[in-house]
Structures are given as structure tokens and as C-alpha cells.
Amino acid sequence: MALLSPAISSLARMRQWRIDAWRSHPVDSQREVIQNLVTSAQYTEFGRKHNFHNIYNIRDFKKAVPICEYDDLKPYIERMMKGEQNLLWNSPIFWFAKSSGTTSDKSKFIPVSEESLEDCHFKAAKDVLTMYYSYNPDSAMLTGKGLVLGGSHTINPVNNEAQYGDLSAVLLQNSPFWGHWLRTPDLEIALMDKWEDKLEKMALQTVNENVTSISGVPTWTLILFKRLLEMTGKQAISEIWPDLELYMHGGVSFTPYREQFKSIIGKPIHYLETYNASEGFFAANAAPGDEGMALFTDHGIFLEFMPMGEYGTANPQTIGLKDVELNTNYALVISTNGGLWRYLLGDTIKFVSKDPYKIIVSGRVKHYINAFGEEVIVDNSDQAIDMACKKTGAVVNDYTAAPVYFSDNSNGAHEWLIEFEKEPANLEAFVTELDAALQSINSDYEAKRYKNIALSLPKVHNMARGSFNKWLQLKGKLGGQHKVPRLCNERKYVEEILAANRPT
């Protein structure tokens, strides 16, 4: 390992010129990406139906292909899962990433081509490594192992050739041979289905490893940390893994978890945010601590940006990179080298820089509260939770919120279910700080709270520890990349979680 690591790190640094090229010419890179996508897929069933052979520019592409969601592509995907090929993409599809970006009963199966593996996911991962080494050239990360907290892998029962699993499992199954030398735990543990057993075996195997980096969803990473401390009797993770230097996170905002990680790790380390979904690898911090993630423009994905005012209209319009504005919410629309065409991803993003292009994930198009015109998005609620915790000394494990509608006796309000790692000394004070933080962040919320005219003070339930995991387990969504929806404009999730935790 010690001999291999310098060679890999040298190769990683040699890629920097490629990154500099697409970051310096992002619009040109995107133009080349869409040209390659259309050319590759012109003889597929989808390409023939939408006259790809007559598409010569981005304007033609937008006219020929309507914006779609999963249900629009589902008939093609179901046929692909039964063995048909050349439907959405021109190379064979033998892998499907089971989407874990939702806790609804329906699962999405995203086609994963060889091109999307090599030219998107793996290429982006190499670029993240390169950027990190450019920032930290003396890093010893590759002298140890990277701990990956991923999902499960299951054979597709419909087609003997096709397989599916969480994205992390698909990537693990297809990673190059040398990647297994640099990773822990063993593949049979990493791909286990039962999350409770998996965590236990993962803790037992990794406790004596030299773990130098970790990647995974914050909630499950914290659970593993706590089990390791319980197992060893140590006070901090740095006592178990003294060479740990990097944590890579994504999937949910890290803001509510940052202080917990600092405390439980017990020493300063680097934190890198990545934006990697079943549909593609879109962005990552160019350096630890950066505001925003560098947008990947040369990784087999053509990106469009839908102003939120267009969402839900009969013929929604999108804009390209050169026309985006800073600090404006856009719904992300993608076309990929896995066969997704003008696909509404469901995430909302904001640009925090245009030179170079850097983004933050601000929420989901369907995960917000706007029952009274307050337009509260996940970015608002994450910030408000963080501010209230700092004011009261509380630490939050997880939360969700939904509106309470007007009744004959009361105004509307927001109802919050919050699971604390460390409870505030005074819950009422926490609620007051949460409300004040939201008002300071969101002027629409502030206006609706004015003299309680439309919105009353938030109603907060102090949930017992494990409440959200109990609900996820009931839905068969415990572990991996599954997560609790932060906000919902309907009361579905709040009602389900409360019901799951009522005494029987």
C-alpha cells in the first residue's frame, strides 16, 4: 500500500490540466457534451422518435425533446430491465441504480451504462481526488484505506443479465481492481442488505484498519461512529483512526451535523461535499471549506436550469450556463450518457459563483413548505436549525416539518418533528430561536409571521431517539442512502412518523 499510494497520488495530480480545461471553458464543454450525446443515441428508439439526426444545435434539441420525469421514461426502462436494448442509449445496459432519493413506496431504477460509469461517476471521482491533492499535496490519505458506507446490491429477478442496487453498490461492483485495495470493508460486508447486521460487521472489520478517509451519508456515519466508540471504550474517533484526514459527504446538507462530527472525531479534519446521485456525478468542492461545489461540465451530462417560476407550467423553459444568475433557485434538468433525456432531476440548486461555476444544492422541487406563501425551502430550514442550535447549545440528529392549516380556532403554523442528540435546556427557547432564524433568513416567512396574522409560532415535537429510523425501518428504507424528507407541503410524512412512534 505504501508503495502504491505515491504512484496513484502522482497520477491524480497529473489530471489537473484536464480539470483546468473544462473549468476554463465550461460552455464549450457543455456544447461538446450534448453533441456527443445526440450523435451516440441517434439510432436508438428514443433518438429515432425524436429525430436526433436532424438536431444541429441546442435550440433544435430543446424543440425536439420535451422535459420529462421518471414516469415518462418508465416504459422504456421497464423494457430495458426485461432485456431489450438500444432504447434510450446505444450501448448495452446491464446495471440499474435503485434510487434512494425518496422515501415513497415507489422505487426508481436509473439505467447505468458503461459510459456513465467510466465517463461520469469514475471520472468525476478521479477529479475529486485530483482537486483534493492539488489543495493538499502532502496528503497521506492513500497510505491508508477509505471507508465507504454504501447501500445494498440485489440481483434483478426479471432479467438474468441485469442487476440493480443502490448507486454506491453498483459503483463498488464495477470499481477497478486497485480500488478494492484502497477501500474497506470487504465487498461482501459493503453490499449486505440488512443494515443493522451490516453496521455491526463493518465496525468489527474496520476498527483495526488504518482508515484515512470516509464517505457516506452523515446520519449513518454517526451511527457507525457511536458503535465504534461503544465497542472500544474510546472517547473520540481520532483515537481509533489517528490518520483520518478527510470526510466526504453528500445527499443531505451537512450544516446540522457539522458540530457533531467535530466533537465525535476529536481532531480537525477536512470535509468535502460531493453531489453524486443515481443519475450522475454533478459537482464537488474543489477544496475543503469552499463555498459551493465546482460544477462538472465535461462528464457526459448536459445541464439545463429551469427557473422555479417555470416549474409546473404547460411548456416550461430552461436556460443554459451562460444565462444563469447568482443566488437564484433553479430546478436541474439533465441529459445523460445513461439515456436520460431532458430529465427533471427533482433537485433545486443555486449558483454561488459564475467564474468558475460553483453551486449549492438548495432543496427539492417537491420538498418545501409554501402553504401560506412563505416559500420555505430546505436550505432555509437547515440554516435555521443550525442557528437555533448555536443559540441554545442543542444538537439535532434529524428533523422534518410540514404545515398545519387554518382551523376555526387557530391560524396556520409549521409543525416540526425534531430528534435531538443533545436536547436544549429549554425547548420553548429553542422554538423561539428557530422561528427568529427563519424570519431572518426568509422575508416571506417573516411577513406571514407578522403579529401572527397568517402563521403562528412553530409547533415542535421533541421526538425520542430512533424515531425516524423506526419509521424508515417500517417502510423498508433503513440504511444506505435513504434519508428523511426535510420539508413537505403536505402532512403525509409528519403523520406517518407520528403514527409509527405512538405507544401501542
Protein backbone atom coordinates (compact mmCIF):
# COMPACT_ATOMS: atom_id res chain seq x y z
CA MET A 1 0.00 0.00 0.00
CA ALA A 2 2.77 2.45 0.93
CA LEU A 3 4.47 1.83 -2.44
CA LEU A 4 1.23 2.04 -4.45
CA SER A 5 -0.09 5.24 -2.88
CA PRO A 6 2.60 7.68 -4.16
CA ALA A 7 2.10 6.37 -7.70
CA ILE A 8 -1.68 6.84 -7.53
CA SER A 9 -1.34 10.29 -5.99
CA SER A 10 1.11 11.33 -8.74
CA LEU A 11 -1.31 10.14 -11.40
CA ALA A 12 -4.12 12.03 -9.67
CA ARG A 13 -2.16 15.28 -9.75
CA MET A 14 -1.34 14.77 -13.45
CA ARG A 15 -5.06 15.08 -14.27
CA GLN A 16 -5.19 18.69 -13.13
CA TRP A 17 -4.70 20.10 -16.63
CA ARG A 18 -7.88 18.32 -17.77
CA ILE A 19 -9.84 19.87 -14.94
CA ASP A 20 -8.39 23.30 -15.72
CA ALA A 21 -9.54 22.88 -19.33
CA TRP A 22 -13.22 22.23 -18.65
CA ARG A 23 -13.39 24.72 -15.79
CA SER A 24 -11.90 27.42 -18.05
CA HIS A 25 -14.28 26.65 -20.95
CA PRO A 26 -17.47 25.29 -19.38
CA VAL A 27 -19.90 26.48 -22.06
CA ASP A 28 -17.79 24.94 -24.84
CA SER A 29 -17.52 21.73 -22.82
CA GLN A 30 -21.28 21.56 -22.48
CA ARG A 31 -21.80 22.16 -26.19
CA GLU A 32 -19.48 19.26 -26.96
CA VAL A 33 -21.24 17.03 -24.43
CA ILE A 34 -24.69 17.50 -25.97
CA GLN A 35 -23.32 16.96 -29.46
CA ASN A 36 -21.76 13.66 -28.40
CA LEU A 37 -24.92 12.55 -26.57
CA VAL A 38 -27.22 13.20 -29.53
CA THR A 39 -24.81 11.61 -32.02
CA SER A 40 -24.41 8.50 -29.87
CA ALA A 41 -28.16 7.99 -29.40
CA GLN A 42 -29.48 8.97 -32.82
CA TYR A 43 -30.24 5.35 -33.83
CA THR A 44 -31.86 4.35 -30.55
CA GLU A 45 -35.63 4.03 -30.40
CA PHE A 46 -35.83 7.31 -28.47
CA GLY A 47 -33.43 9.02 -30.88
CA ARG A 48 -35.41 7.96 -33.94
CA LYS A 49 -38.70 9.01 -32.35
CA HIS A 50 -37.34 12.49 -31.63
CA ASN A 51 -35.45 12.93 -34.91
CA PHE A 52 -32.00 13.18 -33.38
CA HIS A 53 -30.49 13.02 -36.89
CA ASN A 54 -31.98 16.47 -37.57
CA ILE A 55 -30.67 18.11 -34.39
CA TYR A 56 -27.81 20.52 -35.09
CA ASN A 57 -27.78 22.78 -32.04
CA ILE A 58 -29.14 23.17 -28.52
CA ARG A 59 -32.19 25.07 -29.76
CA ASP A 60 -33.13 22.14 -32.01
CA PHE A 61 -32.62 19.73 -29.13
CA LYS A 62 -34.98 21.64 -26.83
CA LYS A 63 -37.65 21.77 -29.54
CA ALA A 64 -37.36 18.08 -30.33
CA VAL A 65 -37.31 16.68 -26.79
CA PRO A 66 -39.84 17.66 -24.12
CA ILE A 67 -38.85 17.90 -20.47
CA CYS A 68 -39.74 14.63 -18.80
CA GLU A 69 -39.93 12.97 -15.41
CA TYR A 70 -39.36 9.37 -14.40
CA ASP A 71 -42.86 8.19 -15.32
CA ASP A 72 -42.31 9.44 -18.87
CA LEU A 73 -39.22 7.23 -19.28
CA LYS A 74 -40.50 4.35 -17.16
CA PRO A 75 -41.94 2.34 -20.10
CA TYR A 76 -38.51 2.35 -21.77
CA ILE A 77 -36.76 1.43 -18.52
CA GLU A 78 -39.14 -1.45 -17.80
CA ARG A 79 -38.44 -2.88 -21.26
CA MET A 80 -34.70 -2.47 -20.69
CA MET A 81 -34.97 -4.36 -17.40
CA LYS A 82 -36.55 -7.24 -19.32
CA GLY A 83 -33.58 -7.38 -21.68
CA GLU A 84 -34.36 -5.03 -24.60
CA GLN A 85 -31.51 -2.79 -25.68
CA ASN A 86 -30.91 0.29 -27.85
CA LEU A 87 -33.97 2.04 -26.46
CA LEU A 88 -32.63 5.12 -24.63
CA TRP A 89 -28.89 4.60 -25.12
CA ASN A 90 -26.82 2.90 -27.81
CA SER A 91 -24.63 0.67 -25.62
CA PRO A 92 -25.97 -2.29 -23.59
CA ILE A 93 -27.47 -1.51 -20.17
CA PHE A 94 -26.83 -4.25 -17.62
CA TRP A 95 -26.96 -2.19 -14.42
CA PHE A 96 -29.68 -0.11 -12.79
CA ALA A 97 -29.27 2.17 -9.79
CA LYS A 98 -32.25 1.88 -7.47
CA SER A 99 -33.00 5.43 -6.48
CA SER A 100 -32.86 6.12 -2.77
CA GLY A 101 -33.56 9.82 -3.11
CA THR A 102 -37.13 9.33 -1.96
CA THR A 103 -38.91 7.56 0.88
CA SER A 104 -42.08 6.97 -1.10
CA ASP A 105 -43.26 3.42 -1.76
CA LYS A 106 -42.26 3.53 -5.41
CA SER A 107 -38.63 2.91 -6.38
CA LYS A 108 -36.94 4.35 -9.41
CA PHE A 109 -34.48 2.33 -11.46
CA ILE A 110 -31.97 4.53 -13.25
CA PRO A 111 -30.13 2.92 -16.20
CA VAL A 112 -26.34 2.88 -15.75
CA SER A 113 -24.32 2.43 -18.95
CA GLU A 114 -20.62 1.69 -19.22
CA GLU A 115 -20.17 5.29 -20.38
CA SER A 116 -21.97 6.70 -17.34
CA LEU A 117 -19.76 4.60 -15.10
CA GLU A 118 -16.46 5.46 -16.78
CA ASP A 119 -17.03 8.97 -18.15
CA CYS A 120 -19.23 10.30 -15.37
CA HIS A 121 -19.04 8.58 -11.99
CA PHE A 122 -15.47 7.28 -12.07
CA LYS A 123 -14.10 10.26 -13.99
CA ALA A 124 -15.69 12.65 -11.50
CA ALA A 125 -14.31 10.63 -8.58
CA LYS A 126 -10.81 10.91 -10.07
CA ASP A 127 -11.30 14.64 -10.47
CA VAL A 128 -12.36 14.98 -6.82
CA LEU A 129 -9.19 13.14 -5.81
CA THR A 130 -7.09 15.34 -8.10
CA MET A 131 -8.57 18.55 -6.73
CA TYR A 132 -8.02 17.37 -3.16
CA TYR A 133 -4.37 16.56 -3.83
CA SER A 134 -3.94 19.89 -5.56
CA TYR A 135 -5.22 21.55 -2.38
CA ASN A 136 -3.31 19.22 -0.05
CA PRO A 137 -0.21 17.93 -1.94
CA ASP A 138 1.33 16.41 1.19
CA SER A 139 -1.74 14.28 1.93
CA ALA A 140 -1.08 10.77 3.22
CA MET A 141 -4.67 9.68 2.52
CA LEU A 142 -3.68 6.89 0.13
CA THR A 143 -1.35 5.28 2.66
CA GLY A 144 -4.49 4.06 4.42
CA LYS A 145 -7.96 2.93 3.44
CA GLY A 146 -11.16 4.69 2.51
CA LEU A 147 -14.22 3.62 4.48
CA VAL A 148 -17.30 3.57 2.25
CA LEU A 149 -20.77 3.44 3.80
CA GLY A 150 -22.84 2.33 0.84
CA GLY A 151 -26.06 0.55 0.04
CA SER A 152 -27.08 -2.99 -0.89
CA HIS A 153 -26.93 -4.96 -4.12
CA THR A 154 -29.65 -7.31 -5.34
CA ILE A 155 -29.96 -9.42 -8.49
CA ASN A 156 -32.82 -8.25 -10.66
CA PRO A 157 -35.33 -11.12 -10.76
CA VAL A 158 -36.76 -10.10 -14.15
CA ASN A 159 -33.65 -10.33 -16.32
CA ASN A 160 -30.81 -12.74 -15.56
CA GLU A 161 -28.28 -10.40 -17.19
CA ALA A 162 -29.37 -7.21 -15.47
CA GLN A 163 -28.65 -6.33 -11.86
CA TYR A 164 -29.65 -3.47 -9.60
CA GLY A 165 -28.73 -1.94 -6.29
CA ASP A 166 -28.16 1.39 -4.60
CA LEU A 167 -25.79 3.56 -6.60
CA SER A 168 -22.95 3.03 -4.13
CA ALA A 169 -23.31 -0.73 -4.55
CA VAL A 170 -23.30 -0.50 -8.35
CA LEU A 171 -20.12 1.59 -8.20
CA LEU A 172 -18.47 -0.84 -5.78
CA GLN A 173 -19.29 -3.80 -8.01
CA ASN A 174 -17.78 -2.08 -11.05
CA SER A 175 -14.80 -0.31 -9.49
CA PRO A 176 -11.32 -1.14 -10.84
CA PHE A 177 -9.33 -3.87 -9.09
CA TRP A 178 -6.95 -1.43 -7.40
CA GLY A 179 -9.92 0.38 -5.89
CA HIS A 180 -10.62 -2.65 -3.68
CA TRP A 181 -7.11 -2.42 -2.21
CA LEU A 182 -7.78 1.14 -1.11
CA ARG A 183 -11.27 0.54 0.32
CA THR A 184 -12.81 -1.02 3.40
CA PRO A 185 -14.87 -3.02 4.40
CA ASP A 186 -14.77 -6.18 2.27
CA LEU A 187 -17.24 -6.29 -0.58
CA GLU A 188 -19.48 -8.93 0.99
CA ILE A 189 -19.98 -6.66 4.01
CA ALA A 190 -20.29 -3.46 1.98
CA LEU A 191 -23.13 -4.99 -0.04
CA MET A 192 -25.13 -6.58 2.79
CA ASP A 193 -28.88 -5.95 2.77
CA LYS A 194 -29.70 -5.91 6.48
CA TRP A 195 -28.45 -2.60 7.77
CA GLU A 196 -28.20 -3.46 11.47
CA ASP A 197 -26.03 -6.54 10.80
CA LYS A 198 -24.05 -4.63 8.22
CA LEU A 199 -23.14 -1.85 10.66
CA GLU A 200 -22.02 -4.36 13.25
CA LYS A 201 -19.81 -6.29 10.82
CA MET A 202 -18.49 -3.03 9.38
CA ALA A 203 -17.50 -1.83 12.84
CA LEU A 204 -15.81 -5.13 13.69
CA GLN A 205 -13.77 -5.19 10.48
CA THR A 206 -12.75 -1.53 10.30
CA VAL A 207 -11.93 -0.88 13.95
CA ASN A 208 -8.36 -2.16 13.45
CA GLU A 209 -7.87 -0.72 9.94
CA ASN A 210 -5.87 2.42 9.17
CA VAL A 211 -8.84 4.45 7.92
CA THR A 212 -7.72 7.77 6.40
CA SER A 213 -10.93 8.83 4.63
CA ILE A 214 -14.66 8.20 4.97
CA SER A 215 -17.53 8.73 2.56
CA GLY A 216 -21.21 8.30 3.34
CA VAL A 217 -24.46 9.93 4.42
CA PRO A 218 -23.92 11.82 7.73
CA THR A 219 -26.70 10.10 9.71
CA TRP A 220 -25.43 6.56 9.11
CA THR A 221 -21.81 7.61 9.56
CA LEU A 222 -22.63 8.98 13.01
CA ILE A 223 -24.36 5.73 13.96
CA LEU A 224 -21.22 3.79 12.97
CA PHE A 225 -19.04 6.21 14.93
CA LYS A 226 -21.11 5.72 18.07
CA ARG A 227 -20.96 1.94 17.76
CA LEU A 228 -17.16 2.09 17.36
CA LEU A 229 -16.80 4.22 20.49
CA GLU A 230 -19.09 1.90 22.41
CA MET A 231 -17.11 -1.12 21.19
CA THR A 232 -13.68 0.29 22.02
CA GLY A 233 -14.37 2.48 25.03
CA LYS A 234 -12.56 5.33 23.30
CA GLN A 235 -13.66 8.95 23.66
CA ALA A 236 -13.14 10.06 20.05
CA ILE A 237 -12.85 8.54 16.58
CA SER A 238 -9.36 10.03 16.23
CA GLU A 239 -8.23 7.64 18.97
CA ILE A 240 -9.34 4.73 16.79
CA TRP A 241 -8.20 6.15 13.43
CA PRO A 242 -5.44 8.70 14.19
CA ASP A 243 -4.61 9.19 10.49
CA LEU A 244 -8.19 10.07 9.47
CA GLU A 245 -7.95 13.26 7.40
CA LEU A 246 -10.99 13.52 5.11
CA TYR A 247 -14.75 13.03 5.28
CA MET A 248 -16.71 13.21 2.02
CA HIS A 249 -20.41 13.79 2.44
CA GLY A 250 -23.44 14.38 0.27
CA GLY A 251 -27.13 13.57 -0.05
CA VAL A 252 -28.24 15.96 2.68
CA SER A 253 -26.98 19.28 3.97
CA PHE A 254 -24.03 18.87 6.31
CA THR A 255 -24.89 22.03 8.24
CA PRO A 256 -26.92 20.37 11.05
CA TYR A 257 -24.22 17.71 11.52
CA ARG A 258 -21.01 19.72 11.39
CA GLU A 259 -20.64 20.31 15.13
CA GLN A 260 -21.45 16.67 15.93
CA PHE A 261 -18.70 15.48 13.60
CA LYS A 262 -16.15 17.89 15.05
CA SER A 263 -16.98 16.69 18.55
CA ILE A 264 -17.08 12.96 17.91
CA ILE A 265 -13.96 12.85 15.69
CA GLY A 266 -11.98 14.80 18.23
CA LYS A 267 -9.48 16.49 15.93
CA PRO A 268 -9.60 18.81 12.89
CA ILE A 269 -10.03 17.02 9.56
CA HIS A 270 -11.02 18.12 6.05
CA TYR A 271 -14.62 17.98 4.84
CA LEU A 272 -15.57 17.72 1.16
CA GLU A 273 -19.11 17.95 -0.17
CA THR A 274 -19.99 15.95 -3.27
CA TYR A 275 -23.13 15.96 -5.38
CA ASN A 276 -23.41 12.41 -6.63
CA ALA A 277 -26.81 10.92 -7.41
CA SER A 278 -28.07 7.79 -9.12
CA GLU A 279 -28.43 9.84 -12.29
CA GLY A 280 -24.87 11.19 -12.32
CA PHE A 281 -21.99 12.91 -10.54
CA PHE A 282 -22.68 16.62 -10.88
CA ALA A 283 -20.35 18.62 -8.63
CA ALA A 284 -17.93 18.61 -5.70
CA ASN A 285 -15.93 21.02 -3.58
CA ALA A 286 -12.71 21.92 -5.41
CA ALA A 287 -11.13 22.35 -1.97
CA PRO A 288 -12.27 21.67 1.61
CA GLY A 289 -14.18 24.58 3.06
CA ASP A 290 -15.14 26.05 -0.31
CA GLU A 291 -18.44 27.87 -0.57
CA GLY A 292 -20.20 25.87 -3.23
CA MET A 293 -19.21 22.91 -5.37
CA ALA A 294 -17.41 23.04 -8.69
CA LEU A 295 -19.93 22.16 -11.41
CA PHE A 296 -18.75 19.26 -13.59
CA THR A 297 -19.29 20.26 -17.21
CA ASP A 298 -17.30 17.60 -19.08
CA HIS A 299 -18.64 14.38 -17.56
CA GLY A 300 -21.24 13.11 -20.03
CA ILE A 301 -24.13 15.18 -18.70
CA PHE A 302 -25.76 18.14 -20.43
CA LEU A 303 -27.19 20.55 -17.88
CA GLU A 304 -30.18 22.87 -18.17
CA PHE A 305 -31.57 25.14 -15.49
CA MET A 306 -35.29 25.75 -15.04
CA PRO A 307 -36.31 28.94 -13.18
CA MET A 308 -38.70 27.92 -10.44
CA GLY A 309 -41.42 30.11 -11.89
CA GLU A 310 -41.46 27.76 -14.90
CA TYR A 311 -41.96 24.62 -12.82
CA GLY A 312 -45.45 23.23 -13.26
CA THR A 313 -46.27 25.28 -16.36
CA ALA A 314 -47.51 23.69 -19.58
CA ASN A 315 -44.30 24.34 -21.52
CA PRO A 316 -41.52 25.05 -19.02
CA GLN A 317 -38.48 26.86 -20.34
CA THR A 318 -34.86 26.34 -19.34
CA ILE A 319 -31.66 28.33 -19.67
CA GLY A 320 -28.02 27.38 -20.17
CA LEU A 321 -24.91 28.12 -18.16
CA LYS A 322 -24.17 31.49 -19.72
CA ASP A 323 -27.58 32.88 -18.68
CA VAL A 324 -27.79 31.77 -15.05
CA GLU A 325 -27.91 34.30 -12.22
CA LEU A 326 -26.37 34.06 -8.78
CA ASN A 327 -28.43 33.11 -5.71
CA THR A 328 -31.46 32.11 -7.76
CA ASN A 329 -33.20 28.75 -7.37
CA TYR A 330 -33.19 26.55 -10.45
CA ALA A 331 -34.59 23.07 -10.97
CA LEU A 332 -31.92 20.90 -12.58
CA VAL A 333 -32.73 19.29 -15.94
CA ILE A 334 -30.25 16.73 -17.27
CA SER A 335 -29.48 14.65 -20.37
CA THR A 336 -27.01 11.85 -19.68
CA ASN A 337 -24.82 9.19 -21.22
CA GLY A 338 -27.01 6.66 -19.45
CA GLY A 339 -30.06 7.55 -21.58
CA LEU A 340 -31.95 10.14 -19.54
CA TRP A 341 -33.20 12.91 -21.82
CA ARG A 342 -34.18 16.36 -20.54
CA TYR A 343 -34.92 14.67 -17.24
CA LEU A 344 -36.22 16.79 -14.37
CA LEU A 345 -33.95 15.56 -11.60
CA GLY A 346 -36.04 16.95 -8.74
CA ASP A 347 -33.24 18.89 -7.04
CA THR A 348 -33.01 22.66 -6.85
CA ILE A 349 -29.65 24.38 -6.99
CA LYS A 350 -28.24 27.88 -6.64
CA PHE A 351 -25.12 29.33 -8.22
CA VAL A 352 -22.80 31.00 -5.74
CA SER A 353 -20.12 31.75 -8.37
CA LYS A 354 -20.00 32.06 -12.16
CA ASP A 355 -16.23 32.29 -12.58
CA PRO A 356 -15.76 29.43 -12.03
CA TYR A 357 -19.26 27.96 -11.88
CA LYS A 358 -19.99 26.75 -8.35
CA ILE A 359 -23.32 25.61 -6.93
CA ILE A 360 -25.07 24.58 -3.75
CA VAL A 361 -28.00 22.16 -3.55
CA SER A 362 -30.83 24.22 -2.09
CA GLY A 363 -33.56 21.57 -1.88
CA ARG A 364 -36.03 19.54 -3.88
CA VAL A 365 -38.75 20.82 -6.20
CA LYS A 366 -41.31 18.95 -4.10
CA HIS A 367 -39.63 19.34 -0.69
CA TYR A 368 -40.64 22.77 0.53
CA ILE A 369 -43.40 24.44 2.51
CA ASN A 370 -45.46 27.05 0.73
CA ALA A 371 -48.90 26.56 2.26
CA PHE A 372 -49.31 30.27 3.08
CA GLY A 373 -46.99 31.96 0.58
CA GLU A 374 -43.96 31.61 2.87
CA GLU A 375 -41.83 29.66 0.32
CA VAL A 376 -39.58 27.95 2.87
CA ILE A 377 -37.02 25.68 1.21
CA VAL A 378 -34.65 23.11 2.72
CA ASP A 379 -31.70 25.49 2.59
CA ASN A 380 -33.70 27.85 4.84
CA SER A 381 -34.66 25.17 7.34
CA ASP A 382 -31.13 23.73 7.57
CA GLN A 383 -29.71 27.17 8.28
CA ALA A 384 -32.42 27.93 10.85
CA ILE A 385 -31.83 24.63 12.69
CA ASP A 386 -28.11 25.38 12.78
CA MET A 387 -28.67 28.91 14.11
CA ALA A 388 -31.10 27.73 16.80
CA CYS A 389 -28.68 25.02 17.92
CA LYS A 390 -25.84 27.50 18.27
CA LYS A 391 -28.04 29.83 20.33
CA THR A 392 -29.31 27.12 22.69
CA GLY A 393 -26.48 24.57 22.77
CA ALA A 394 -28.71 21.89 21.25
CA VAL A 395 -27.60 19.25 18.72
CA VAL A 396 -30.10 17.90 16.19
CA ASN A 397 -29.95 14.38 14.74
CA ASP A 398 -32.79 14.69 12.25
CA TYR A 399 -35.96 16.62 11.54
CA THR A 400 -38.92 17.06 9.26
CA ALA A 401 -41.61 19.73 9.03
CA ALA A 402 -45.00 20.31 7.40
CA PRO A 403 -47.77 22.91 7.54
CA VAL A 404 -50.68 22.97 9.97
CA TYR A 405 -53.59 24.51 8.13
CA PHE A 406 -56.11 27.10 9.35
CA SER A 407 -58.92 25.93 11.57
CA ASP A 408 -61.90 27.65 13.13
CA ASN A 409 -59.87 28.26 16.28
CA SER A 410 -56.34 28.94 15.10
CA ASN A 411 -54.09 30.29 12.39
CA GLY A 412 -51.77 28.17 10.34
CA ALA A 413 -48.33 27.11 11.57
CA HIS A 414 -45.41 24.83 10.79
CA GLU A 415 -45.24 21.56 12.69
CA TRP A 416 -41.71 20.25 13.29
CA LEU A 417 -40.64 16.78 14.38
CA ILE A 418 -37.11 17.06 15.77
CA GLU A 419 -34.90 14.32 17.15
CA PHE A 420 -32.17 15.80 19.34
CA GLU A 421 -28.77 14.29 20.03
CA LYS A 422 -28.46 16.91 22.76
CA GLU A 423 -31.71 18.48 23.92
CA PRO A 424 -31.91 22.21 24.57
CA ALA A 425 -32.20 23.20 28.23
CA ASN A 426 -35.46 24.91 27.34
CA LEU A 427 -37.48 23.68 24.36
CA GLU A 428 -39.56 26.86 24.24
CA ALA A 429 -36.38 28.91 23.88
CA PHE A 430 -35.27 26.65 21.03
CA VAL A 431 -38.62 27.16 19.26
CA THR A 432 -38.30 30.92 19.66
CA GLU A 433 -34.78 30.88 18.22
CA LEU A 434 -35.85 28.62 15.34
CA ASP A 435 -38.68 30.97 14.48
CA ALA A 436 -36.44 34.05 14.70
CA ALA A 437 -33.82 32.39 12.50
CA LEU A 438 -36.37 31.54 9.81
CA GLN A 439 -37.64 35.12 9.86
CA SER A 440 -34.09 36.45 9.46
CA ILE A 441 -33.44 34.11 6.51
CA ASN A 442 -36.77 34.24 4.66
CA SER A 443 -38.62 37.55 4.25
CA ASP A 444 -41.79 35.79 3.02
CA TYR A 445 -41.91 33.72 6.21
CA GLU A 446 -41.23 36.86 8.23
CA ALA A 447 -44.16 38.65 6.58
CA LYS A 448 -46.54 35.77 7.27
CA ARG A 449 -45.41 35.67 10.93
CA TYR A 450 -46.03 39.40 11.44
CA LYS A 451 -48.30 39.68 14.51
CA ASN A 452 -49.34 36.03 13.95
CA ILE A 453 -51.65 37.19 11.19
CA ALA A 454 -51.13 34.16 8.93
CA LEU A 455 -48.64 31.96 10.77
CA SER A 456 -48.37 31.22 14.47
CA LEU A 457 -45.22 30.17 16.32
CA PRO A 458 -43.94 26.77 15.10
CA LYS A 459 -45.18 23.66 16.89
CA VAL A 460 -42.22 21.43 17.77
CA HIS A 461 -42.35 17.79 18.87
CA ASN A 462 -39.29 16.55 20.75
CA MET A 463 -39.06 13.06 19.26
CA ALA A 464 -37.43 10.17 21.10
CA ARG A 465 -34.12 8.96 19.75
CA GLY A 466 -34.58 6.42 16.98
CA SER A 467 -37.99 7.77 15.95
CA PHE A 468 -37.02 8.48 12.36
CA ASN A 469 -35.12 5.19 12.00
CA LYS A 470 -38.19 3.34 13.28
CA TRP A 471 -40.28 4.94 10.54
CA LEU A 472 -37.66 4.21 7.87
CA GLN A 473 -37.49 0.60 9.02
CA LEU A 474 -41.26 0.21 8.78
CA LYS A 475 -41.04 1.41 5.19
CA GLY A 476 -38.12 -0.90 4.37
CA LYS A 477 -35.87 2.12 3.86
CA LEU A 478 -33.41 1.79 6.74
CA GLY A 479 -29.75 2.40 5.92
CA GLY A 480 -27.71 3.16 2.83
CA GLN A 481 -28.55 6.46 1.19
CA HIS A 482 -32.14 6.65 2.40
CA LYS A 483 -32.99 9.80 4.28
CA VAL A 484 -35.85 11.63 5.92
CA PRO A 485 -37.50 14.36 3.82
CA ARG A 486 -36.77 17.67 5.49
CA LEU A 487 -39.86 19.56 4.33
CA CYS A 488 -43.15 18.65 2.74
CA ASN A 489 -46.04 20.85 1.66
CA GLU A 490 -48.38 18.02 2.65
CA ARG A 491 -48.70 16.34 6.05
CA LYS A 492 -48.05 12.79 4.81
CA TYR A 493 -44.60 12.26 6.34
CA VAL A 494 -45.35 14.04 9.62
CA GLU A 495 -48.49 11.96 10.15
CA GLU A 496 -46.70 8.70 9.27
CA ILE A 497 -43.77 9.37 11.60
CA LEU A 498 -46.03 10.36 14.49
CA ALA A 499 -48.17 7.25 13.92
CA ALA A 500 -45.11 4.99 13.78
CA ASN A 501 -43.99 6.25 17.19
CA ARG A 502 -47.27 6.24 19.10
CA PRO A 503 -47.39 3.79 22.02
CA THR A 504 -49.17 0.55 21.09
